[in-house]
Amino acid sequence: MHSNIISMYRSHNCGELNASHINQEVTLAGWVQKSRDKGFMNWVDLRDRYGITQLLFDESRSEKSVFELAKTLGREFVVQVKGTVIEREAKNKNIATGGIEILVKEMTILNAALTPPFTIEDDTDGGEDIRMKYRYLDIRRNPVKNSLLFRHKVAQAVRNYLSSLDFCEVETPYLIKSTPEGARFCSSKQNERRSILCFTTIATNIQTTFDGWRNG
């Protein structure tokens, strides 16, 4: 099921293509990191959580409609592209995919985006306050993303180890302060003299927490 969902949008991720894939037809999807328009050629850096791959839109080799569409792309647009892996003339040794680029034949804009309030880069120009306000953008940056992935791997390793020893993980209820946005008190079956805070849906809890971060 998971592989079928992924294959709907991409055949490879943006961090795995190299010289061994030259002349292969591929499909990629991700965020637009940046673009460089030279008039007759347009280069776009496409980013996902795995890395960056350079896309090439060539006036003489790309469809006119695709070439013109590439000129409308802005930072953090979400796009899907199909094209051929070709050797990159000016190679970039700083990234894993620096020896190749994709000559784009088809492109679909999956979601347009407003210009983000700070750059989505390792060394961003955004202060802490603005990054916390737009946390969903900040977690796309490598330092934050890598921290989240590391935390995930540690938690997964601990769970797998304890599960192998036949431990059973039990999640206890979260007891937090009441809010007027959908929370209500209800009686606990374990102790009818006490009340616990119940949220009508998990989504309400997530939204309330997010609002707390945003307004805090």
Protein backbone atom coordinates (compact mmCIF):
# COMPACT_ATOMS: atom_id res chain seq x y z
CA MET A 1 0.00 0.00 0.00
CA HIS A 2 2.79 2.42 0.98
CA SER A 3 4.81 1.79 -2.20
CA ASN A 4 1.71 2.22 -4.35
CA ILE A 5 0.99 5.64 -2.83
CA ILE A 6 4.60 6.77 -3.34
CA SER A 7 4.69 5.55 -6.95
CA MET A 8 1.70 7.76 -7.76
CA TYR A 9 3.96 10.80 -7.38
CA ARG A 10 7.52 9.63 -7.98
CA SER A 11 9.69 6.79 -9.20
CA HIS A 12 12.74 8.02 -7.25
CA ASN A 13 13.43 10.52 -4.51
CA CYS A 14 15.52 13.66 -4.96
CA GLY A 15 18.58 12.25 -3.25
CA GLU A 16 19.20 8.93 -5.00
CA LEU A 17 19.82 9.58 -8.70
CA ASN A 18 23.40 9.38 -10.01
CA ALA A 19 25.39 8.59 -13.17
CA SER A 20 24.13 5.00 -13.19
CA HIS A 21 20.63 6.34 -13.97
CA ILE A 22 21.64 8.33 -17.08
CA ASN A 23 19.13 7.96 -19.98
CA GLN A 24 16.46 6.57 -17.64
CA GLU A 25 12.96 8.07 -17.59
CA VAL A 26 12.08 9.15 -14.04
CA THR A 27 9.34 10.90 -12.10
CA LEU A 28 10.16 13.21 -9.20
CA ALA A 29 8.10 15.33 -6.83
CA GLY A 30 9.04 17.91 -4.26
CA TRP A 31 9.42 21.55 -3.31
CA VAL A 32 11.07 24.18 -5.49
CA GLN A 33 14.20 25.25 -3.61
CA LYS A 34 15.27 27.91 -6.11
CA SER A 35 15.32 28.61 -9.85
CA ARG A 36 17.73 30.30 -12.23
CA ASP A 37 16.27 31.71 -15.44
CA LYS A 38 18.82 32.41 -18.22
CA GLY A 39 16.22 33.14 -20.89
CA PHE A 40 16.71 30.14 -23.16
CA MET A 41 17.38 27.79 -20.24
CA ASN A 42 15.87 27.48 -16.78
CA TRP A 43 17.37 25.47 -13.93
CA VAL A 44 15.30 24.50 -10.92
CA ASP A 45 16.51 22.83 -7.74
CA LEU A 46 13.87 20.35 -6.62
CA ARG A 47 13.98 19.33 -2.94
CA ASP A 48 12.41 16.62 -0.83
CA ARG A 49 13.39 15.18 2.56
CA TYR A 50 16.09 13.06 0.92
CA GLY A 51 18.02 15.68 -1.03
CA ILE A 52 18.08 18.00 -4.05
CA THR A 53 18.02 17.25 -7.78
CA GLN A 54 18.56 19.84 -10.50
CA LEU A 55 15.92 20.13 -13.21
CA LEU A 56 16.65 21.51 -16.67
CA PHE A 57 14.10 23.27 -18.86
CA ASP A 58 15.65 23.87 -22.29
CA GLU A 59 13.88 26.04 -24.86
CA SER A 60 15.15 23.84 -27.71
CA ARG A 61 14.47 20.46 -26.05
CA SER A 62 11.51 21.00 -23.73
CA GLU A 63 7.89 21.44 -24.78
CA LYS A 64 7.05 25.14 -25.12
CA SER A 65 4.19 24.89 -22.62
CA VAL A 66 6.43 23.19 -20.07
CA PHE A 67 9.23 25.70 -20.66
CA GLU A 68 6.87 28.63 -20.10
CA LEU A 69 5.30 26.99 -17.04
CA ALA A 70 8.75 26.67 -15.46
CA LYS A 71 9.10 30.46 -15.55
CA THR A 72 6.11 30.81 -13.19
CA LEU A 73 7.58 28.66 -10.42
CA GLY A 74 8.27 30.25 -7.06
CA ARG A 75 10.00 29.05 -3.93
CA GLU A 76 8.22 26.18 -2.13
CA PHE A 77 5.90 25.40 -5.04
CA VAL A 78 5.11 21.68 -4.97
CA VAL A 79 5.62 20.11 -8.39
CA GLN A 80 5.78 16.73 -10.07
CA VAL A 81 8.06 16.32 -13.08
CA LYS A 82 8.78 13.59 -15.60
CA GLY A 83 11.91 13.55 -17.67
CA THR A 84 15.20 11.95 -18.66
CA VAL A 85 18.31 11.72 -16.50
CA ILE A 86 21.23 13.33 -18.34
CA GLU A 87 24.84 14.08 -17.44
CA ARG A 88 25.34 17.45 -15.85
CA GLU A 89 27.91 19.67 -17.56
CA ALA A 90 28.82 21.75 -14.49
CA LYS A 91 28.97 19.07 -11.80
CA ASN A 92 28.35 19.85 -8.15
CA LYS A 93 30.47 17.71 -5.83
CA ASN A 94 28.69 19.04 -2.75
CA ILE A 95 25.52 17.00 -3.27
CA ALA A 96 24.94 13.31 -4.02
CA THR A 97 23.04 14.08 -7.25
CA GLY A 98 25.58 16.64 -8.47
CA GLY A 99 26.66 14.59 -11.49
CA ILE A 100 23.25 14.52 -13.18
CA GLU A 101 20.19 16.62 -13.95
CA ILE A 102 16.70 15.94 -15.28
CA LEU A 103 15.70 17.18 -18.72
CA VAL A 104 12.03 17.80 -17.99
CA LYS A 105 9.39 16.70 -20.47
CA GLU A 106 6.26 17.05 -18.34
CA MET A 107 5.47 19.08 -15.24
CA THR A 108 2.44 19.41 -12.99
CA ILE A 109 2.12 22.08 -10.32
CA LEU A 110 0.59 20.18 -7.41
CA ASN A 111 0.39 23.24 -5.17
CA ALA A 112 1.36 26.86 -5.66
CA ALA A 113 2.83 28.72 -2.70
CA LEU A 114 3.23 32.24 -1.41
CA THR A 115 6.78 33.46 -0.95
CA PRO A 116 7.86 32.07 2.44
CA PRO A 117 8.70 34.60 5.19
CA PHE A 118 12.24 33.21 5.50
CA THR A 119 14.55 31.06 3.41
CA ILE A 120 14.19 27.29 3.75
CA GLU A 121 17.91 26.66 4.05
CA ASP A 122 20.37 25.40 6.67
CA ASP A 123 21.46 28.97 7.45
CA THR A 124 18.16 30.80 7.29
CA ASP A 125 17.54 34.54 7.50
CA GLY A 126 14.55 34.03 9.80
CA GLY A 127 14.68 34.81 13.51
CA GLU A 128 13.40 32.41 16.16
CA ASP A 129 10.05 34.16 16.58
CA ILE A 130 9.16 34.05 12.89
CA ARG A 131 10.35 30.45 12.58
CA MET A 132 8.17 29.38 15.51
CA LYS A 133 5.19 31.21 14.01
CA TYR A 134 5.67 29.28 10.76
CA ARG A 135 6.84 26.05 12.34
CA TYR A 136 5.47 23.95 9.49
CA LEU A 137 7.98 25.68 7.20
CA ASP A 138 10.86 25.57 9.66
CA ILE A 139 10.72 21.78 9.95
CA ARG A 140 11.54 21.53 6.24
CA ARG A 141 15.05 22.85 6.95
CA ASN A 142 17.74 20.18 7.31
CA PRO A 143 18.82 20.99 10.90
CA VAL A 144 15.27 20.69 12.22
CA LYS A 145 14.33 17.80 9.93
CA ASN A 146 17.42 15.81 10.92
CA SER A 147 16.68 16.34 14.61
CA LEU A 148 13.14 15.04 14.12
CA LEU A 149 14.42 12.01 12.18
CA PHE A 150 17.01 11.27 14.88
CA ARG A 151 14.35 11.47 17.58
CA HIS A 152 12.14 9.14 15.55
CA LYS A 153 14.94 6.59 15.12
CA VAL A 154 15.83 6.65 18.83
CA ALA A 155 12.20 6.21 19.88
CA GLN A 156 11.72 3.43 17.33
CA ALA A 157 14.87 1.62 18.49
CA VAL A 158 13.74 1.78 22.12
CA ARG A 159 10.26 0.54 21.24
CA ASN A 160 11.62 -2.30 19.09
CA TYR A 161 14.04 -3.37 21.84
CA LEU A 162 11.41 -3.38 24.57
CA SER A 163 8.90 -5.10 22.28
CA SER A 164 11.46 -7.85 21.62
CA LEU A 165 11.53 -8.41 25.38
CA ASP A 166 7.73 -8.80 25.36
CA PHE A 167 6.97 -5.43 26.92
CA CYS A 168 3.58 -3.87 26.16
CA GLU A 169 3.39 -0.12 25.52
CA VAL A 170 0.41 1.56 27.19
CA GLU A 171 -0.41 5.18 26.46
CA THR A 172 -1.93 7.07 29.39
CA PRO A 173 -4.42 9.93 28.90
CA TYR A 174 -3.11 13.45 28.57
CA LEU A 175 -4.48 15.63 31.36
CA ILE A 176 -4.32 19.27 30.33
CA LYS A 177 -6.08 22.51 31.13
CA SER A 178 -9.61 22.92 29.79
CA THR A 179 -10.19 25.18 26.79
CA PRO A 180 -13.45 26.50 25.29
CA GLU A 181 -12.63 25.30 21.75
CA GLY A 182 -14.18 21.84 21.94
CA ALA A 183 -13.00 20.25 25.19
CA ARG A 184 -15.44 18.95 27.78
CA PHE A 185 -15.27 17.20 31.13
CA CYS A 186 -16.50 13.65 31.44
CA SER A 187 -16.55 11.10 34.22
CA SER A 188 -13.81 8.54 34.52
CA LYS A 189 -14.95 4.93 34.66
CA GLN A 190 -12.02 4.15 36.97
CA ASN A 191 -13.06 6.75 39.53
CA GLU A 192 -16.45 8.37 39.26
CA ARG A 193 -15.54 11.00 41.87
CA ARG A 194 -12.97 12.50 39.57
CA SER A 195 -13.25 14.06 36.15
CA ILE A 196 -10.81 13.95 33.30
CA LEU A 197 -10.55 16.21 30.32
CA CYS A 198 -11.79 14.60 27.14
CA PHE A 199 -11.34 16.00 23.69
CA THR A 200 -14.02 15.31 21.15
CA THR A 201 -11.42 14.42 18.51
CA ILE A 202 -7.69 13.95 18.25
CA ALA A 203 -7.67 16.74 15.67
CA THR A 204 -9.01 19.16 18.30
CA ASN A 205 -6.14 18.27 20.59
CA ILE A 206 -3.58 18.77 17.83
CA GLN A 207 -5.10 22.09 16.79
CA THR A 208 -5.23 23.33 20.39
CA THR A 209 -1.59 22.39 20.90
CA PHE A 210 -0.60 24.10 17.65
CA ASP A 211 -2.48 27.24 18.65
CA GLY A 212 -0.64 27.20 21.95
CA TRP A 213 2.73 27.13 20.15
CA ARG A 214 1.62 29.78 17.72
CA ASN A 215 0.23 32.17 20.34
CA GLY A 216 2.78 31.35 23.03
